Amino acid sequence: MAARRSAGLTFINARLSAGAGVISSLRVVGTRIACIDEDPHPGDRVVDLEGDRLLPGLINAHDHLQLNSLPRRESPRFYRHVRDWISEVDAHRRADPEFAARAAVGREARLLVGGIKNLLSGVTTVAHHDPLYAFLRSSEFPTRVVRRYGWSHSLYLDGEKRVRYSHRRTPSGWPWVIHAAEGLDDEAANEFDRLEALGCLGPNTLLVHGIALDRMRRSRLLHAGAGLIWCPASNLNLFGATAEVSELARHGRVALGSDSRLSGARDLLEELRVARRIGGFDDAALLDDAALLRLVTVDSARLLRLSDCGALRPTMRADLLVLPPDSRLGALSRADVRLVLIDGRVRCGDPDRAQQAEPASTWAHIRVDGRLKVLDTLVGALLAKSTAQEPGADLADPACRAA
């Protein structure tokens, strides 16, 4: 007797690529993608996407999650090295009581804002560049956080001894992440040479920012098999310039990160808009929708050593993003997000799509930039009692059905 197939969730009439695209189906069983372009099985819930785009959940390759509740400080000038900006932020915290009060809010409340920021913008996995606090490993945290990674802040804060120790103790199968070449002066550029001399430049090395990398250093980075995490909005705000990433991107060695709101974009969707507008590429063809998608899915997953997300393939995690038909990643805001699933469960989205995917579920109602959405009830309950709130996200009812 044939084994009984498990009931699943099948999306039909889904557009799996940009433009005219391919209309297909995708089936989820449990937490994984089971198959693509196959008819629903008996007992499946069926969601007719009516031509909506179905993408892998986005991956934010760089964020400081606990800093997103702090207001962006517009820089009074452009800096030569990031140490000057850090010094000014510290002085501002000491001189401005309101800023100091917001910085003093409990860490978990601030981390929650960072998680909600990412979830509402379609991010299902985020790389946090700081310690892996316990709350980030909790099932209640709004989005998945990368757990296997090594990191150092930077050479200028940590020093060579601590940086080298951090790199050496990181397993070769994990990414090792460090801010580097974040500036325009010789000191910023020479950070690459120092990391290379310390033996910290290898296939698992990810440099964040890399603004000061010249052509020769970018070539050496590529030869080492390392990668670059690109945060153009933060770079432009602080330095008036960003990294040149075209050659690295052609080899799949670039991932996009939003940094925190203290210096960077509102969220990853805004970062994509900035990337498309200002480039950083010397080949305009690299700025099309497919190239932008790679920066926040398949290339990001590869660089972060995430083997089970970032693509729509059988056995991959059912981390899914539903967007309106014919939408472009470089022209979207979070109000456009129709549905976000993590491990096959609806975490937020439009009420009608959520109701179709999980008709028996209960959600919190929330207005996102004026548009009614639903939110996972656990996340909604945390937000309702939090001492820090997500701007533009107004919780309506703590728990109610989407219908």
Protein backbone atom coordinates (compact mmCIF):
# COMPACT_ATOMS: atom_id res chain seq x y z
CA MET A 1 0.00 0.00 0.00
CA ALA A 2 1.31 3.45 -0.90
CA ALA A 3 2.24 5.73 1.97
CA ARG A 4 -0.39 8.32 2.84
CA ARG A 5 0.63 11.82 1.71
CA SER A 6 0.58 14.54 4.33
CA ALA A 7 -1.86 17.37 3.85
CA GLY A 8 -0.17 20.60 2.92
CA LEU A 9 -0.66 24.14 1.72
CA THR A 10 -0.57 24.74 -2.04
CA PHE A 11 -0.29 28.13 -3.69
CA ILE A 12 -1.64 28.16 -7.23
CA ASN A 13 -1.51 30.78 -9.98
CA ALA A 14 1.69 32.14 -8.46
CA ARG A 15 4.11 34.26 -10.45
CA LEU A 16 7.54 32.92 -9.60
CA SER A 17 9.56 35.53 -11.50
CA ALA A 18 9.33 39.15 -12.58
CA GLY A 19 7.36 40.62 -15.49
CA ALA A 20 5.22 38.21 -17.45
CA GLY A 21 6.86 35.51 -15.39
CA VAL A 22 5.94 31.88 -15.02
CA ILE A 23 2.56 31.03 -13.53
CA SER A 24 3.01 27.97 -11.41
CA SER A 25 2.18 26.35 -8.09
CA LEU A 26 4.18 25.70 -4.94
CA ARG A 27 3.31 23.18 -2.26
CA VAL A 28 4.32 23.39 1.40
CA VAL A 29 4.23 20.50 3.85
CA GLY A 30 5.10 21.37 7.42
CA THR A 31 8.06 23.73 7.48
CA ARG A 32 9.42 22.87 4.03
CA ILE A 33 8.73 23.37 0.36
CA ALA A 34 7.57 19.99 -0.92
CA CYS A 35 7.33 20.60 -4.66
CA ILE A 36 6.83 23.17 -7.40
CA ASP A 37 4.52 23.02 -10.39
CA GLU A 38 2.45 20.14 -9.06
CA ASP A 39 -1.30 19.94 -8.55
CA PRO A 40 -2.65 20.24 -5.00
CA HIS A 41 -2.93 16.96 -3.14
CA PRO A 42 -6.20 15.77 -1.58
CA GLY A 43 -6.78 17.55 1.71
CA ASP A 44 -4.49 20.48 0.93
CA ARG A 45 -5.47 24.06 1.68
CA VAL A 46 -5.35 25.86 -1.63
CA VAL A 47 -4.53 29.56 -1.97
CA ASP A 48 -5.17 31.13 -5.38
CA LEU A 49 -2.63 33.94 -5.64
CA GLU A 50 -4.26 35.24 -8.83
CA GLY A 51 -0.94 36.19 -10.36
CA ASP A 52 0.72 37.57 -7.22
CA ARG A 53 4.50 37.20 -7.07
CA LEU A 54 5.78 34.42 -4.83
CA LEU A 55 9.40 34.83 -3.73
CA PRO A 56 11.74 33.36 -1.14
CA GLY A 57 11.61 35.33 2.09
CA LEU A 58 14.20 38.11 2.05
CA ILE A 59 17.50 37.83 3.92
CA ASN A 60 18.89 40.95 5.60
CA ALA A 61 22.64 40.32 5.76
CA HIS A 62 23.49 43.04 8.28
CA ASP A 63 21.56 44.71 11.08
CA HIS A 64 22.14 45.89 14.64
CA LEU A 65 18.70 44.88 15.86
CA GLN A 66 18.81 46.70 19.19
CA LEU A 67 19.50 50.10 17.55
CA ASN A 68 16.40 50.39 15.34
CA SER A 69 14.25 52.16 17.91
CA LEU A 70 16.69 55.08 17.91
CA PRO A 71 15.97 57.95 15.51
CA ARG A 72 18.19 58.38 12.49
CA ARG A 73 20.57 61.22 13.08
CA GLU A 74 21.12 63.17 9.88
CA SER A 75 24.82 63.76 9.66
CA PRO A 76 25.89 67.43 9.78
CA ARG A 77 28.83 66.56 7.56
CA PHE A 78 30.43 63.68 5.73
CA TYR A 79 33.07 61.73 7.62
CA ARG A 80 36.48 60.41 6.62
CA HIS A 81 36.31 57.43 8.99
CA VAL A 82 33.43 55.90 10.90
CA ARG A 83 35.20 56.44 14.24
CA ASP A 84 34.35 60.15 13.93
CA TRP A 85 30.64 59.40 13.55
CA ILE A 86 30.69 57.00 16.51
CA SER A 87 32.29 59.70 18.66
CA GLU A 88 29.62 62.21 17.66
CA VAL A 89 26.79 59.77 18.44
CA ASP A 90 28.27 59.13 21.89
CA ALA A 91 28.52 62.88 22.52
CA HIS A 92 24.95 63.36 21.28
CA ARG A 93 23.71 60.66 23.68
CA ARG A 94 25.35 62.48 26.60
CA ALA A 95 24.02 65.89 25.56
CA ASP A 96 20.47 65.06 24.43
CA PRO A 97 18.21 63.73 27.24
CA GLU A 98 15.52 62.50 24.81
CA PHE A 99 18.03 60.50 22.77
CA ALA A 100 19.59 59.17 25.97
CA ALA A 101 16.18 58.07 27.27
CA ARG A 102 15.43 56.16 24.07
CA ALA A 103 18.84 54.50 24.18
CA ALA A 104 18.17 53.48 27.80
CA VAL A 105 14.99 51.52 26.96
CA GLY A 106 15.33 47.83 27.83
CA ARG A 107 17.28 45.75 25.34
CA GLU A 108 14.48 43.27 24.59
CA ALA A 109 12.08 46.09 23.71
CA ARG A 110 14.64 47.55 21.35
CA LEU A 111 15.39 44.15 19.83
CA LEU A 112 11.66 43.62 19.27
CA VAL A 113 11.46 46.79 17.18
CA GLY A 114 14.34 45.50 15.08
CA GLY A 115 12.55 42.21 14.54
CA ILE A 116 9.24 43.84 13.60
CA LYS A 117 11.03 46.24 11.26
CA ASN A 118 12.41 43.25 9.37
CA LEU A 119 9.27 41.10 9.40
CA LEU A 120 6.99 43.84 8.05
CA SER A 121 9.37 44.40 5.14
CA GLY A 122 9.33 40.75 4.06
CA VAL A 123 12.55 39.67 5.80
CA THR A 124 12.40 36.11 7.11
CA THR A 125 16.08 35.81 8.13
CA VAL A 126 18.32 38.54 9.51
CA ALA A 127 22.02 38.54 10.42
CA HIS A 128 22.55 40.39 13.69
CA HIS A 129 26.02 41.95 14.06
CA ASP A 130 26.27 41.83 17.84
CA PRO A 131 25.95 39.09 20.50
CA LEU A 132 23.25 36.48 19.97
CA TYR A 133 21.07 37.53 22.90
CA ALA A 134 18.67 34.92 24.29
CA PHE A 135 15.57 36.75 23.02
CA LEU A 136 16.84 36.42 19.45
CA ARG A 137 16.72 32.62 19.81
CA SER A 138 13.17 32.68 21.16
CA SER A 139 10.27 31.31 19.10
CA GLU A 140 8.46 34.57 19.91
CA PHE A 141 10.99 36.72 18.09
CA PRO A 142 9.33 38.10 14.93
CA THR A 143 11.83 36.74 12.41
CA ARG A 144 14.58 34.15 12.23
CA VAL A 145 18.03 35.32 13.31
CA VAL A 146 21.22 33.70 12.01
CA ARG A 147 22.65 31.66 14.88
CA ARG A 148 25.88 30.22 13.52
CA TYR A 149 28.34 33.04 12.96
CA GLY A 150 31.52 34.58 14.27
CA TRP A 151 32.04 38.30 14.47
CA SER A 152 34.17 41.16 15.54
CA HIS A 153 33.06 44.77 15.49
CA SER A 154 36.12 46.27 13.79
CA LEU A 155 39.86 46.68 14.00
CA TYR A 156 39.58 50.22 15.33
CA LEU A 157 37.38 49.20 18.29
CA ASP A 158 38.51 45.64 19.03
CA GLY A 159 42.20 45.75 18.11
CA GLU A 160 44.24 43.20 16.18
CA LYS A 161 44.59 40.62 18.95
CA ARG A 162 40.85 40.29 19.61
CA VAL A 163 40.03 40.35 15.90
CA ARG A 164 42.46 37.55 15.13
CA TYR A 165 41.20 35.50 18.08
CA SER A 166 37.58 35.92 16.94
CA HIS A 167 38.45 34.81 13.42
CA ARG A 168 40.43 31.77 14.55
CA ARG A 169 37.77 30.51 16.92
CA THR A 170 35.01 30.73 14.26
CA PRO A 171 34.37 27.35 12.55
CA SER A 172 35.26 27.42 8.85
CA GLY A 173 31.68 26.49 7.96
CA TRP A 174 30.31 29.62 9.65
CA PRO A 175 30.54 33.17 8.33
CA TRP A 176 32.90 35.52 10.12
CA VAL A 177 31.72 39.13 9.90
CA ILE A 178 33.54 42.40 10.58
CA HIS A 179 33.09 46.09 9.75
CA ALA A 180 35.98 47.09 7.50
CA ALA A 181 37.03 49.89 5.16
CA GLU A 182 34.12 51.98 6.45
CA GLY A 183 35.39 55.37 5.42
CA LEU A 184 37.29 57.30 2.78
CA ASP A 185 40.75 57.80 4.25
CA ASP A 186 43.93 55.71 4.13
CA GLU A 187 43.22 54.22 7.56
CA ALA A 188 39.94 52.78 6.29
CA ALA A 189 41.56 51.39 3.15
CA ASN A 190 44.48 49.88 5.05
CA GLU A 191 42.15 47.89 7.31
CA PHE A 192 41.86 45.38 4.49
CA ASP A 193 45.65 44.95 4.37
CA ARG A 194 45.82 44.48 8.13
CA LEU A 195 43.09 41.80 8.06
CA GLU A 196 44.92 40.05 5.25
CA ALA A 197 48.21 40.15 7.18
CA LEU A 198 46.50 38.77 10.29
CA GLY A 199 45.21 35.78 8.33
CA CYS A 200 41.60 36.95 8.71
CA LEU A 201 40.74 37.03 5.02
CA GLY A 202 39.33 33.69 3.89
CA PRO A 203 36.34 32.03 2.22
CA ASN A 204 34.10 32.58 5.24
CA THR A 205 35.08 36.26 5.75
CA LEU A 206 32.39 38.88 5.20
CA LEU A 207 33.45 42.52 5.24
CA VAL A 208 30.70 45.00 6.02
CA HIS A 209 30.69 48.28 4.05
CA GLY A 210 34.05 48.19 2.17
CA ILE A 211 33.71 51.76 0.89
CA ALA A 212 37.46 52.36 0.78
CA LEU A 213 38.34 49.19 -1.13
CA ASP A 214 40.07 50.04 -4.40
CA ARG A 215 40.13 47.81 -7.46
CA MET A 216 43.24 45.92 -6.34
CA ARG A 217 41.84 45.17 -2.88
CA ARG A 218 38.48 44.10 -4.32
CA SER A 219 40.36 41.71 -6.60
CA ARG A 220 42.23 40.25 -3.62
CA LEU A 221 38.96 39.88 -1.71
CA LEU A 222 37.48 38.00 -4.66
CA HIS A 223 40.58 35.79 -4.96
CA ALA A 224 40.29 34.91 -1.26
CA GLY A 225 36.70 33.76 -1.80
CA ALA A 226 35.44 36.29 0.72
CA GLY A 227 32.36 38.50 0.40
CA LEU A 228 31.07 42.00 0.97
CA ILE A 229 27.92 43.10 2.77
CA TRP A 230 26.73 46.29 1.10
CA CYS A 231 24.78 48.94 3.04
CA PRO A 232 24.48 51.85 0.57
CA ALA A 233 21.95 53.97 2.51
CA SER A 234 24.15 54.11 5.61
CA ASN A 235 27.22 54.76 3.48
CA LEU A 236 25.62 57.67 1.65
CA ASN A 237 24.33 59.21 4.86
CA LEU A 238 27.70 59.11 6.62
CA PHE A 239 30.21 59.45 3.79
CA GLY A 240 28.40 60.62 0.65
CA ALA A 241 29.80 57.56 -1.14
CA THR A 242 29.38 53.81 -1.19
CA ALA A 243 31.31 50.72 -2.24
CA GLU A 244 31.88 49.81 -5.88
CA VAL A 245 30.43 46.32 -6.00
CA SER A 246 29.92 45.42 -9.65
CA GLU A 247 32.66 42.81 -10.10
CA LEU A 248 31.99 41.20 -6.74
CA ALA A 249 28.26 41.07 -7.50
CA ARG A 250 28.89 39.40 -10.85
CA HIS A 251 30.58 36.60 -8.93
CA GLY A 252 27.80 36.36 -6.34
CA ARG A 253 29.97 37.80 -3.56
CA VAL A 254 27.70 40.66 -2.44
CA ALA A 255 24.79 40.61 0.00
CA LEU A 256 22.60 43.56 0.97
CA GLY A 257 22.13 44.74 4.54
CA SER A 258 20.05 47.54 6.01
CA ASP A 259 22.32 48.37 8.98
CA SER A 260 20.33 50.03 11.78
CA ARG A 261 18.07 53.05 11.46
CA LEU A 262 20.56 55.08 13.44
CA SER A 263 22.51 55.53 10.21
CA GLY A 264 20.81 53.47 7.52
CA ALA A 265 17.55 52.83 5.71
CA ARG A 266 14.12 52.38 7.26
CA ASP A 267 14.14 48.71 6.25
CA LEU A 268 15.48 46.33 3.62
CA LEU A 269 12.89 47.37 1.03
CA GLU A 270 14.08 50.96 1.29
CA GLU A 271 17.66 49.70 1.01
CA LEU A 272 16.71 47.98 -2.24
CA ARG A 273 15.25 51.23 -3.54
CA VAL A 274 18.48 53.05 -2.69
CA ALA A 275 20.57 50.32 -4.32
CA ARG A 276 18.57 50.54 -7.51
CA ARG A 277 18.65 54.34 -7.58
CA ILE A 278 22.31 55.02 -6.89
CA GLY A 279 23.92 51.87 -8.18
CA GLY A 280 27.39 51.04 -6.99
CA PHE A 281 27.52 49.05 -10.18
CA ASP A 282 29.33 49.96 -13.38
CA ASP A 283 26.91 47.85 -15.43
CA ALA A 284 23.28 49.02 -15.42
CA ALA A 285 22.10 45.51 -16.34
CA LEU A 286 23.04 44.39 -12.84
CA LEU A 287 20.39 46.67 -11.36
CA ASP A 288 17.39 44.80 -12.74
CA ASP A 289 14.87 43.07 -10.52
CA ALA A 290 16.53 39.67 -10.79
CA ALA A 291 19.91 41.06 -9.67
CA LEU A 292 18.40 42.90 -6.72
CA LEU A 293 16.58 39.73 -5.69
CA ARG A 294 19.84 37.77 -5.66
CA LEU A 295 21.39 40.29 -3.25
CA VAL A 296 18.69 39.52 -0.66
CA THR A 297 18.11 35.81 -1.31
CA VAL A 298 20.41 33.30 -2.98
CA ASP A 299 23.71 35.23 -2.80
CA SER A 300 23.03 36.36 0.76
CA ALA A 301 22.19 32.80 1.79
CA ARG A 302 25.39 31.46 0.26
CA LEU A 303 27.61 34.05 1.93
CA LEU A 304 25.94 33.55 5.31
CA ARG A 305 26.25 29.76 4.91
CA LEU A 306 22.48 29.23 5.03
CA SER A 307 21.92 26.05 3.06
CA ASP A 308 18.15 25.77 3.47
CA CYS A 309 16.76 29.20 2.61
CA GLY A 310 17.03 31.89 -0.06
CA ALA A 311 15.51 29.91 -2.94
CA LEU A 312 12.28 28.24 -4.00
CA ARG A 313 13.25 24.57 -4.22
CA PRO A 314 11.96 21.34 -2.70
CA THR A 315 13.36 20.65 0.80
CA MET A 316 14.11 24.34 1.40
CA ARG A 317 12.49 26.13 4.33
CA ALA A 318 9.01 27.42 3.54
CA ASP A 319 10.05 31.05 4.05
CA LEU A 320 7.86 32.84 1.55
CA LEU A 321 7.01 36.38 0.49
CA VAL A 322 3.91 37.28 -1.53
CA LEU A 323 3.90 40.58 -3.42
CA PRO A 324 1.44 42.21 -5.86
CA PRO A 325 1.60 41.17 -9.53
CA ASP A 326 4.32 42.84 -11.63
CA SER A 327 5.86 44.48 -8.54
CA ARG A 328 9.56 45.36 -8.54
CA LEU A 329 11.82 45.06 -5.52
CA GLY A 330 13.34 48.46 -6.18
CA ALA A 331 9.94 50.15 -6.05
CA LEU A 332 8.19 48.62 -3.03
CA SER A 333 7.33 49.66 0.48
CA ARG A 334 6.20 47.45 3.36
CA ALA A 335 2.54 48.38 2.85
CA ASP A 336 2.78 46.43 -0.44
CA VAL A 337 3.72 43.16 1.28
CA ARG A 338 0.81 40.76 0.87
CA LEU A 339 1.98 37.81 2.97
CA VAL A 340 5.03 36.58 4.87
CA LEU A 341 5.47 32.94 5.93
CA ILE A 342 8.30 31.61 8.08
CA ASP A 343 8.67 27.84 8.26
CA GLY A 344 5.30 27.50 6.56
CA ARG A 345 3.36 29.63 9.05
CA VAL A 346 1.80 33.02 8.34
CA ARG A 347 3.56 35.71 10.38
CA CYS A 348 2.03 38.85 8.82
CA GLY A 349 0.25 40.09 5.72
CA ASP A 350 -3.04 41.21 4.21
CA PRO A 351 -6.14 39.86 5.98
CA ASP A 352 -7.56 38.15 2.88
CA ARG A 353 -4.37 36.26 2.04
CA ALA A 354 -3.83 35.26 5.68
CA GLN A 355 -7.40 33.99 5.93
CA GLN A 356 -6.93 31.86 2.81
CA ALA A 357 -3.66 30.37 4.04
CA GLU A 358 -4.72 29.71 7.65
CA PRO A 359 -8.52 29.98 7.94
CA ALA A 360 -8.66 28.73 11.53
CA SER A 361 -5.92 31.02 12.85
CA THR A 362 -6.14 34.12 14.97
CA TRP A 363 -4.07 37.25 14.45
CA ALA A 364 -3.54 40.69 15.84
CA HIS A 365 -4.82 43.51 13.63
CA ILE A 366 -2.29 46.21 12.85
CA ARG A 367 -2.18 49.23 10.56
CA VAL A 368 1.11 49.45 8.69
CA ASP A 369 1.56 52.95 7.29
CA GLY A 370 -2.22 53.26 7.24
CA ARG A 371 -2.95 49.90 5.59
CA LEU A 372 -4.71 47.16 7.56
CA LYS A 373 -2.60 44.04 8.07
CA VAL A 374 -2.56 41.06 10.39
CA LEU A 375 0.30 40.02 12.65
CA ASP A 376 1.16 36.84 14.51
CA THR A 377 -0.61 37.00 17.88
CA LEU A 378 2.53 36.25 19.90
CA VAL A 379 4.34 39.13 18.21
CA GLY A 380 1.27 41.32 18.62
CA ALA A 381 1.13 40.57 22.36
CA LEU A 382 4.80 41.47 22.75
CA LEU A 383 4.27 44.70 20.83
CA ALA A 384 1.21 45.60 22.90
CA LYS A 385 3.18 45.60 26.16
CA SER A 386 6.50 46.85 24.78
CA THR A 387 8.09 50.08 26.01
CA ALA A 388 9.41 50.74 22.48
CA GLN A 389 7.12 50.91 19.45
CA GLU A 390 7.60 50.49 15.72
CA PRO A 391 6.87 53.83 13.95
CA GLY A 392 3.99 53.58 11.50
CA ALA A 393 2.76 50.25 12.92
CA ASP A 394 -0.32 50.80 15.07
CA LEU A 395 -1.77 47.78 16.81
CA ALA A 396 -5.58 47.76 16.59
CA ASP A 397 -6.75 44.62 18.42
CA PRO A 398 -4.40 42.32 20.36
CA ALA A 399 -6.05 39.16 19.00
CA CYS A 400 -8.78 38.73 16.42
CA ARG A 401 -9.57 36.70 13.37
CA ALA A 402 -8.44 37.97 9.99
CA ALA A 403 -11.84 37.54 8.41
